[in-house]
Amino acid sequence: MDEKKLQKFAVDYLSRYDSSKKNLSDVIKRKIFRFNISGKEKARLINLIDNIISNLEKNNLINDQRYCNSKITLLSIKGKSKNFIFNYLL
């Protein structure tokens, strides 16, 4: 497993779901822990997550502000209150 495969996984995930940086990081970590590899290799891959996310940010594939705005719009259309939306985004 290398950084390119993790980056491809992240791009594939983002093509299906809109996500925040924190959520994408958690999804990648869960993917790494499912691999049958040594602990050192898992630690090395986890250290690469920040690089992957910064590359995706640089290429404008992930943007927390855009994610926030889309969630606010979606939840307000569904009739959710301001407090509900605020707590959801926290």
PDB file of N, CA and C in Angstrom:
ATOM      1  N   MET A   1       0.862  -1.180   0.000  1.00  0.00           N
ATOM      2  CA  MET A   1       0.000   0.000   0.000  1.00  0.00           C
ATOM      3  C   MET A   1       0.899   1.230   0.000  1.00  0.00           C
ATOM      4  N   ASP A   2       0.547   2.166  -0.830  1.00  0.00           N
ATOM      5  CA  ASP A   2       1.334   3.392  -0.887  1.00  0.00           C
ATOM      6  C   ASP A   2       0.422   4.614  -0.926  1.00  0.00           C
ATOM      7  N   GLU A   3       1.052   5.772  -0.970  1.00  0.00           N
ATOM      8  CA  GLU A   3       0.313   7.037  -0.918  1.00  0.00           C
ATOM      9  C   GLU A   3      -0.603   7.209  -2.128  1.00  0.00           C
ATOM     10  N   LYS A   4      -0.168   6.750  -3.282  1.00  0.00           N
ATOM     11  CA  LYS A   4      -0.995   6.919  -4.489  1.00  0.00           C
ATOM     12  C   LYS A   4      -2.310   6.147  -4.386  1.00  0.00           C
ATOM     13  N   LYS A   5      -2.262   4.950  -3.815  1.00  0.00           N
ATOM     14  CA  LYS A   5      -3.490   4.170  -3.667  1.00  0.00           C
ATOM     15  C   LYS A   5      -4.431   4.821  -2.666  1.00  0.00           C
ATOM     16  N   LEU A   6      -3.869   5.364  -1.586  1.00  0.00           N
ATOM     17  CA  LEU A   6      -4.708   6.058  -0.608  1.00  0.00           C
ATOM     18  C   LEU A   6      -5.317   7.313  -1.214  1.00  0.00           C
ATOM     19  N   GLN A   7      -4.532   8.021  -2.016  1.00  0.00           N
ATOM     20  CA  GLN A   7      -5.047   9.224  -2.663  1.00  0.00           C
ATOM     21  C   GLN A   7      -6.160   8.851  -3.642  1.00  0.00           C
ATOM     22  N   LYS A   8      -5.990   7.770  -4.369  1.00  0.00           N
ATOM     23  CA  LYS A   8      -7.036   7.319  -5.296  1.00  0.00           C
ATOM     24  C   LYS A   8      -8.300   6.950  -4.518  1.00  0.00           C
ATOM     25  N   PHE A   9      -8.142   6.267  -3.392  1.00  0.00           N
ATOM     26  CA  PHE A   9      -9.286   5.931  -2.558  1.00  0.00           C
ATOM     27  C   PHE A   9     -10.002   7.198  -2.097  1.00  0.00           C
ATOM     28  N   ALA A  10      -9.224   8.212  -1.672  1.00  0.00           N
ATOM     29  CA  ALA A  10      -9.812   9.462  -1.190  1.00  0.00           C
ATOM     30  C   ALA A  10     -10.577  10.174  -2.308  1.00  0.00           C
ATOM     31  N   VAL A  11     -10.019  10.205  -3.505  1.00  0.00           N
ATOM     32  CA  VAL A  11     -10.688  10.850  -4.642  1.00  0.00           C
ATOM     33  C   VAL A  11     -11.964  10.084  -5.005  1.00  0.00           C
ATOM     34  N   ASP A  12     -11.885   8.761  -4.986  1.00  0.00           N
ATOM     35  CA  ASP A  12     -13.083   7.952  -5.268  1.00  0.00           C
ATOM     36  C   ASP A  12     -14.172   8.221  -4.232  1.00  0.00           C
ATOM     37  N   TYR A  13     -13.772   8.325  -2.964  1.00  0.00           N
ATOM     38  CA  TYR A  13     -14.741   8.604  -1.902  1.00  0.00           C
ATOM     39  C   TYR A  13     -15.372   9.977  -2.117  1.00  0.00           C
ATOM     40  N   LEU A  14     -14.553  10.966  -2.458  1.00  0.00           N
ATOM     41  CA  LEU A  14     -15.072  12.318  -2.677  1.00  0.00           C
ATOM     42  C   LEU A  14     -15.945  12.408  -3.918  1.00  0.00           C
ATOM     43  N   SER A  15     -15.739  11.501  -4.864  1.00  0.00           N
ATOM     44  CA  SER A  15     -16.594  11.519  -6.058  1.00  0.00           C
ATOM     45  C   SER A  15     -18.008  11.046  -5.718  1.00  0.00           C
ATOM     46  N   ARG A  16     -18.140  10.254  -4.646  1.00  0.00           N
ATOM     47  CA  ARG A  16     -19.446   9.761  -4.237  1.00  0.00           C
ATOM     48  C   ARG A  16     -20.090  10.603  -3.143  1.00  0.00           C
ATOM     49  N   TYR A  17     -19.264  11.132  -2.227  1.00  0.00           N
ATOM     50  CA  TYR A  17     -19.792  11.838  -1.063  1.00  0.00           C
ATOM     51  C   TYR A  17     -19.086  13.170  -0.875  1.00  0.00           C
ATOM     52  N   ASP A  18     -19.851  14.179  -0.469  1.00  0.00           N
ATOM     53  CA  ASP A  18     -19.252  15.442  -0.061  1.00  0.00           C
ATOM     54  C   ASP A  18     -18.788  15.254   1.370  1.00  0.00           C
ATOM     55  N   SER A  19     -17.596  15.713   1.697  1.00  0.00           N
ATOM     56  CA  SER A  19     -17.039  15.403   2.997  1.00  0.00           C
ATOM     57  C   SER A  19     -16.202  16.558   3.517  1.00  0.00           C
ATOM     58  N   SER A  20     -16.082  16.618   4.842  1.00  0.00           N
ATOM     59  CA  SER A  20     -15.176  17.571   5.470  1.00  0.00           C
ATOM     60  C   SER A  20     -13.790  16.923   5.567  1.00  0.00           C
ATOM     61  N   LYS A  21     -12.790  17.720   5.866  1.00  0.00           N
ATOM     62  CA  LYS A  21     -11.436  17.192   5.995  1.00  0.00           C
ATOM     63  C   LYS A  21     -11.351  16.182   7.134  1.00  0.00           C
ATOM     64  N   LYS A  22     -11.982  16.485   8.242  1.00  0.00           N
ATOM     65  CA  LYS A  22     -11.946  15.603   9.411  1.00  0.00           C
ATOM     66  C   LYS A  22     -12.601  14.262   9.086  1.00  0.00           C
ATOM     67  N   ASN A  23     -13.752  14.298   8.446  1.00  0.00           N
ATOM     68  CA  ASN A  23     -14.438  13.056   8.092  1.00  0.00           C
ATOM     69  C   ASN A  23     -13.608  12.242   7.107  1.00  0.00           C
ATOM     70  N   LEU A  24     -13.031  12.889   6.113  1.00  0.00           N
ATOM     71  CA  LEU A  24     -12.220  12.168   5.134  1.00  0.00           C
ATOM     72  C   LEU A  24     -11.011  11.536   5.815  1.00  0.00           C
ATOM     73  N   SER A  25     -10.403  12.243   6.731  1.00  0.00           N
ATOM     74  CA  SER A  25      -9.279  11.702   7.485  1.00  0.00           C
ATOM     75  C   SER A  25      -9.696  10.454   8.257  1.00  0.00           C
ATOM     76  N   ASP A  26     -10.855  10.498   8.893  1.00  0.00           N
ATOM     77  CA  ASP A  26     -11.355   9.340   9.639  1.00  0.00           C
ATOM     78  C   ASP A  26     -11.643   8.164   8.712  1.00  0.00           C
ATOM     79  N   VAL A  27     -12.205   8.435   7.549  1.00  0.00           N
ATOM     80  CA  VAL A  27     -12.517   7.376   6.577  1.00  0.00           C
ATOM     81  C   VAL A  27     -11.226   6.711   6.104  1.00  0.00           C
ATOM     82  N   ILE A  28     -10.203   7.494   5.818  1.00  0.00           N
ATOM     83  CA  ILE A  28      -8.922   6.940   5.361  1.00  0.00           C
ATOM     84  C   ILE A  28      -8.285   6.110   6.475  1.00  0.00           C
ATOM     85  N   LYS A  29      -8.358   6.600   7.711  1.00  0.00           N
ATOM     86  CA  LYS A  29      -7.798   5.835   8.835  1.00  0.00           C
ATOM     87  C   LYS A  29      -8.492   4.490   8.986  1.00  0.00           C
ATOM     88  N   ARG A  30      -9.812   4.479   8.871  1.00  0.00           N
ATOM     89  CA  ARG A  30     -10.530   3.209   8.964  1.00  0.00           C
ATOM     90  C   ARG A  30     -10.106   2.256   7.843  1.00  0.00           C
ATOM     91  N   LYS A  31      -9.886   2.810   6.665  1.00  0.00           N
ATOM     92  CA  LYS A  31      -9.425   1.995   5.530  1.00  0.00           C
ATOM     93  C   LYS A  31      -8.057   1.397   5.835  1.00  0.00           C
ATOM     94  N   ILE A  32      -7.160   2.186   6.404  1.00  0.00           N
ATOM     95  CA  ILE A  32      -5.812   1.707   6.723  1.00  0.00           C
ATOM     96  C   ILE A  32      -5.871   0.590   7.764  1.00  0.00           C
ATOM     97  N   PHE A  33      -6.708   0.744   8.779  1.00  0.00           N
ATOM     98  CA  PHE A  33      -6.778  -0.263   9.831  1.00  0.00           C
ATOM     99  C   PHE A  33      -7.387  -1.578   9.351  1.00  0.00           C
ATOM    100  N   ARG A  34      -8.092  -1.574   8.241  1.00  0.00           N
ATOM    101  CA  ARG A  34      -8.640  -2.811   7.684  1.00  0.00           C
ATOM    102  C   ARG A  34      -7.590  -3.619   6.937  1.00  0.00           C
ATOM    103  N   PHE A  35      -6.485  -2.961   6.538  1.00  0.00           N
ATOM    104  CA  PHE A  35      -5.429  -3.650   5.802  1.00  0.00           C
ATOM    105  C   PHE A  35      -4.720  -4.645   6.708  1.00  0.00           C
ATOM    106  N   ASN A  36      -4.273  -5.737   6.132  1.00  0.00           N
ATOM    107  CA  ASN A  36      -3.514  -6.738   6.861  1.00  0.00           C
ATOM    108  C   ASN A  36      -2.024  -6.450   6.683  1.00  0.00           C
ATOM    109  N   ILE A  37      -1.553  -5.394   7.369  1.00  0.00           N
ATOM    110  CA  ILE A  37      -0.147  -4.990   7.276  1.00  0.00           C
ATOM    111  C   ILE A  37       0.387  -4.772   8.688  1.00  0.00           C
ATOM    112  N   SER A  38       1.690  -4.594   8.789  1.00  0.00           N
ATOM    113  CA  SER A  38       2.323  -4.428  10.102  1.00  0.00           C
ATOM    114  C   SER A  38       1.968  -3.081  10.720  1.00  0.00           C
ATOM    115  N   GLY A  39       2.186  -2.976  12.023  1.00  0.00           N
ATOM    116  CA  GLY A  39       1.894  -1.745  12.748  1.00  0.00           C
ATOM    117  C   GLY A  39       2.733  -0.576  12.272  1.00  0.00           C
ATOM    118  N   LYS A  40       4.000  -0.843  11.919  1.00  0.00           N
ATOM    119  CA  LYS A  40       4.881   0.224  11.426  1.00  0.00           C
ATOM    120  C   LYS A  40       4.368   0.772  10.097  1.00  0.00           C
ATOM    121  N   GLU A  41       3.918  -0.128   9.255  1.00  0.00           N
ATOM    122  CA  GLU A  41       3.397   0.296   7.948  1.00  0.00           C
ATOM    123  C   GLU A  41       2.106   1.106   8.118  1.00  0.00           C
ATOM    124  N   LYS A  42       1.247   0.676   9.057  1.00  0.00           N
ATOM    125  CA  LYS A  42       0.026   1.434   9.333  1.00  0.00           C
ATOM    126  C   LYS A  42       0.362   2.826   9.840  1.00  0.00           C
ATOM    127  N   ALA A  43       1.348   2.929  10.731  1.00  0.00           N
ATOM    128  CA  ALA A  43       1.753   4.231  11.262  1.00  0.00           C
ATOM    129  C   ALA A  43       2.297   5.126  10.147  1.00  0.00           C
ATOM    130  N   ARG A  44       3.070   4.529   9.227  1.00  0.00           N
ATOM    131  CA  ARG A  44       3.610   5.308   8.103  1.00  0.00           C
ATOM    132  C   ARG A  44       2.489   5.842   7.217  1.00  0.00           C
ATOM    133  N   LEU A  45       1.492   5.006   6.964  1.00  0.00           N
ATOM    134  CA  LEU A  45       0.372   5.427   6.115  1.00  0.00           C
ATOM    135  C   LEU A  45      -0.472   6.495   6.817  1.00  0.00           C
ATOM    136  N   ILE A  46      -0.669   6.368   8.115  1.00  0.00           N
ATOM    137  CA  ILE A  46      -1.441   7.376   8.853  1.00  0.00           C
ATOM    138  C   ILE A  46      -0.736   8.723   8.808  1.00  0.00           C
ATOM    139  N   ASN A  47       0.596   8.707   8.837  1.00  0.00           N
ATOM    140  CA  ASN A  47       1.349   9.964   8.743  1.00  0.00           C
ATOM    141  C   ASN A  47       1.212  10.619   7.374  1.00  0.00           C
ATOM    142  N   LEU A  48       0.831   9.864   6.367  1.00  0.00           N
ATOM    143  CA  LEU A  48       0.665  10.403   5.012  1.00  0.00           C
ATOM    144  C   LEU A  48      -0.692  11.067   4.807  1.00  0.00           C
ATOM    145  N   ILE A  49      -1.625  10.876   5.728  1.00  0.00           N
ATOM    146  CA  ILE A  49      -2.987  11.390   5.554  1.00  0.00           C
ATOM    147  C   ILE A  49      -2.994  12.909   5.400  1.00  0.00           C
ATOM    148  N   ASP A  50      -2.203  13.620   6.203  1.00  0.00           N
ATOM    149  CA  ASP A  50      -2.160  15.082   6.104  1.00  0.00           C
ATOM    150  C   ASP A  50      -1.682  15.536   4.728  1.00  0.00           C
ATOM    151  N   ASN A  51      -0.700  14.823   4.162  1.00  0.00           N
ATOM    152  CA  ASN A  51      -0.218  15.162   2.820  1.00  0.00           C
ATOM    153  C   ASN A  51      -1.314  14.945   1.777  1.00  0.00           C
ATOM    154  N   ILE A  52      -2.029  13.855   1.911  1.00  0.00           N
ATOM    155  CA  ILE A  52      -3.105  13.540   0.961  1.00  0.00           C
ATOM    156  C   ILE A  52      -4.181  14.614   1.016  1.00  0.00           C
ATOM    157  N   ILE A  53      -4.594  14.980   2.220  1.00  0.00           N
ATOM    158  CA  ILE A  53      -5.646  15.985   2.369  1.00  0.00           C
ATOM    159  C   ILE A  53      -5.181  17.347   1.883  1.00  0.00           C
ATOM    160  N   SER A  54      -3.931  17.707   2.142  1.00  0.00           N
ATOM    161  CA  SER A  54      -3.438  19.004   1.650  1.00  0.00           C
ATOM    162  C   SER A  54      -3.367  19.019   0.119  1.00  0.00           C
ATOM    163  N   ASN A  55      -3.023  17.884  -0.498  1.00  0.00           N
ATOM    164  CA  ASN A  55      -3.027  17.809  -1.967  1.00  0.00           C
ATOM    165  C   ASN A  55      -4.441  17.965  -2.519  1.00  0.00           C
ATOM    166  N   LEU A  56      -5.406  17.332  -1.853  1.00  0.00           N
ATOM    167  CA  LEU A  56      -6.798  17.454  -2.298  1.00  0.00           C
ATOM    168  C   LEU A  56      -7.310  18.880  -2.126  1.00  0.00           C
ATOM    169  N   GLU A  57      -6.880  19.529  -1.040  1.00  0.00           N
ATOM    170  CA  GLU A  57      -7.265  20.928  -0.824  1.00  0.00           C
ATOM    171  C   GLU A  57      -6.657  21.832  -1.895  1.00  0.00           C
ATOM    172  N   LYS A  58      -5.399  21.587  -2.193  1.00  0.00           N
ATOM    173  CA  LYS A  58      -4.700  22.392  -3.193  1.00  0.00           C
ATOM    174  C   LYS A  58      -5.367  22.270  -4.559  1.00  0.00           C
ATOM    175  N   ASN A  59      -5.875  21.083  -4.873  1.00  0.00           N
ATOM    176  CA  ASN A  59      -6.561  20.848  -6.149  1.00  0.00           C
ATOM    177  C   ASN A  59      -8.052  21.152  -6.073  1.00  0.00           C
ATOM    178  N   ASN A  60      -8.496  21.716  -4.957  1.00  0.00           N
ATOM    179  CA  ASN A  60      -9.880  22.144  -4.731  1.00  0.00           C
ATOM    180  C   ASN A  60     -10.881  20.988  -4.842  1.00  0.00           C
ATOM    181  N   LEU A  61     -10.449  19.796  -4.427  1.00  0.00           N
ATOM    182  CA  LEU A  61     -11.364  18.660  -4.400  1.00  0.00           C
ATOM    183  C   LEU A  61     -12.071  18.554  -3.061  1.00  0.00           C
ATOM    184  N   ILE A  62     -11.495  19.156  -2.047  1.00  0.00           N
ATOM    185  CA  ILE A  62     -12.125  19.166  -0.729  1.00  0.00           C
ATOM    186  C   ILE A  62     -12.029  20.589  -0.191  1.00  0.00           C
ATOM    187  N   ASN A  63     -13.157  21.061   0.340  1.00  0.00           N
ATOM    188  CA  ASN A  63     -13.215  22.433   0.829  1.00  0.00           C
ATOM    189  C   ASN A  63     -14.239  22.465   1.959  1.00  0.00           C
ATOM    190  N   ASP A  64     -13.774  22.725   3.179  1.00  0.00           N
ATOM    191  CA  ASP A  64     -14.674  22.717   4.327  1.00  0.00           C
ATOM    192  C   ASP A  64     -15.729  23.817   4.244  1.00  0.00           C
ATOM    193  N   GLN A  65     -15.379  24.952   3.688  1.00  0.00           N
ATOM    194  CA  GLN A  65     -16.343  26.054   3.567  1.00  0.00           C
ATOM    195  C   GLN A  65     -17.483  25.667   2.621  1.00  0.00           C
ATOM    196  N   ARG A  66     -17.133  25.053   1.505  1.00  0.00           N
ATOM    197  CA  ARG A  66     -18.144  24.602   0.552  1.00  0.00           C
ATOM    198  C   ARG A  66     -19.027  23.518   1.180  1.00  0.00           C
ATOM    199  N   TYR A  67     -18.408  22.607   1.932  1.00  0.00           N
ATOM    200  CA  TYR A  67     -19.155  21.554   2.615  1.00  0.00           C
ATOM    201  C   TYR A  67     -20.135  22.158   3.612  1.00  0.00           C
ATOM    202  N   CYS A  68     -19.660  23.146   4.385  1.00  0.00           N
ATOM    203  CA  CYS A  68     -20.521  23.817   5.378  1.00  0.00           C
ATOM    204  C   CYS A  68     -21.717  24.483   4.696  1.00  0.00           C
ATOM    205  N   ASN A  69     -21.449  25.216   3.657  1.00  0.00           N
ATOM    206  CA  ASN A  69     -22.527  25.929   2.953  1.00  0.00           C
ATOM    207  C   ASN A  69     -23.557  24.967   2.375  1.00  0.00           C
ATOM    208  N   SER A  70     -23.095  23.865   1.813  1.00  0.00           N
ATOM    209  CA  SER A  70     -24.041  22.909   1.235  1.00  0.00           C
ATOM    210  C   SER A  70     -24.876  22.229   2.321  1.00  0.00           C
ATOM    211  N   LYS A  71     -24.267  21.922   3.467  1.00  0.00           N
ATOM    212  CA  LYS A  71     -25.025  21.313   4.564  1.00  0.00           C
ATOM    213  C   LYS A  71     -26.037  22.302   5.138  1.00  0.00           C
ATOM    214  N   ILE A  72     -25.643  23.573   5.272  1.00  0.00           N
ATOM    215  CA  ILE A  72     -26.575  24.585   5.776  1.00  0.00           C
ATOM    216  C   ILE A  72     -27.777  24.691   4.851  1.00  0.00           C
ATOM    217  N   THR A  73     -27.529  24.753   3.558  1.00  0.00           N
ATOM    218  CA  THR A  73     -28.609  24.856   2.584  1.00  0.00           C
ATOM    219  C   THR A  73     -29.520  23.631   2.639  1.00  0.00           C
ATOM    220  N   LEU A  74     -28.923  22.443   2.651  1.00  0.00           N
ATOM    221  CA  LEU A  74     -29.704  21.212   2.668  1.00  0.00           C
ATOM    222  C   LEU A  74     -30.559  21.096   3.934  1.00  0.00           C
ATOM    223  N   LEU A  75     -29.954  21.384   5.082  1.00  0.00           N
ATOM    224  CA  LEU A  75     -30.692  21.253   6.335  1.00  0.00           C
ATOM    225  C   LEU A  75     -31.772  22.322   6.483  1.00  0.00           C
ATOM    226  N   SER A  76     -31.512  23.524   5.961  1.00  0.00           N
ATOM    227  CA  SER A  76     -32.542  24.565   6.046  1.00  0.00           C
ATOM    228  C   SER A  76     -33.712  24.261   5.120  1.00  0.00           C
ATOM    229  N   ILE A  77     -33.441  23.643   3.968  1.00  0.00           N
ATOM    230  CA  ILE A  77     -34.517  23.226   3.068  1.00  0.00           C
ATOM    231  C   ILE A  77     -35.377  22.161   3.739  1.00  0.00           C
ATOM    232  N   LYS A  78     -34.728  21.301   4.528  1.00  0.00           N
ATOM    233  CA  LYS A  78     -35.463  20.257   5.241  1.00  0.00           C
ATOM    234  C   LYS A  78     -36.232  20.812   6.438  1.00  0.00           C
ATOM    235  N   GLY A  79     -36.059  22.101   6.734  1.00  0.00           N
ATOM    236  CA  GLY A  79     -36.809  22.730   7.808  1.00  0.00           C
ATOM    237  C   GLY A  79     -36.171  22.619   9.181  1.00  0.00           C
ATOM    238  N   LYS A  80     -34.894  22.332   9.224  1.00  0.00           N
ATOM    239  CA  LYS A  80     -34.208  22.225  10.506  1.00  0.00           C
ATOM    240  C   LYS A  80     -33.942  23.616  11.080  1.00  0.00           C
ATOM    241  N   SER A  81     -33.905  23.708  12.403  1.00  0.00           N
ATOM    242  CA  SER A  81     -33.711  24.995  13.068  1.00  0.00           C
ATOM    243  C   SER A  81     -32.248  25.429  13.004  1.00  0.00           C
ATOM    244  N   LYS A  82     -32.038  26.699  13.292  1.00  0.00           N
ATOM    245  CA  LYS A  82     -30.689  27.255  13.304  1.00  0.00           C
ATOM    246  C   LYS A  82     -29.827  26.540  14.343  1.00  0.00           C
ATOM    247  N   ASN A  83     -30.415  26.264  15.523  1.00  0.00           N
ATOM    248  CA  ASN A  83     -29.657  25.567  16.571  1.00  0.00           C
ATOM    249  C   ASN A  83     -29.295  24.140  16.156  1.00  0.00           C
ATOM    250  N   PHE A  84     -30.214  23.455  15.493  1.00  0.00           N
ATOM    251  CA  PHE A  84     -29.936  22.101  15.019  1.00  0.00           C
ATOM    252  C   PHE A  84     -28.772  22.126  14.028  1.00  0.00           C
ATOM    253  N   ILE A  85     -28.810  23.055  13.080  1.00  0.00           N
ATOM    254  CA  ILE A  85     -27.750  23.151  12.063  1.00  0.00           C
ATOM    255  C   ILE A  85     -26.416  23.472  12.720  1.00  0.00           C
ATOM    256  N   PHE A  86     -26.427  24.400  13.666  1.00  0.00           N
ATOM    257  CA  PHE A  86     -25.201  24.782  14.360  1.00  0.00           C
ATOM    258  C   PHE A  86     -24.594  23.581  15.080  1.00  0.00           C
ATOM    259  N   ASN A  87     -25.428  22.853  15.812  1.00  0.00           N
ATOM    260  CA  ASN A  87     -24.929  21.687  16.546  1.00  0.00           C
ATOM    261  C   ASN A  87     -24.485  20.572  15.608  1.00  0.00           C
ATOM    262  N   TYR A  88     -25.162  20.415  14.479  1.00  0.00           N
ATOM    263  CA  TYR A  88     -24.770  19.396  13.499  1.00  0.00           C
ATOM    264  C   TYR A  88     -23.373  19.689  12.944  1.00  0.00           C
ATOM    265  N   LEU A  89     -23.120  20.957  12.667  1.00  0.00           N
ATOM    266  CA  LEU A  89     -21.841  21.330  12.072  1.00  0.00           C
ATOM    267  C   LEU A  89     -20.703  21.333  13.079  1.00  0.00           C
ATOM    268  N   LEU A  90     -21.026  21.427  14.353  1.00  0.00           N
ATOM    269  CA  LEU A  90     -19.967  21.339  15.363  1.00  0.00           C
ATOM    270  C   LEU A  90     -19.368  19.950  15.340  1.00  0.00           C
TER     271      LEU A  90
END
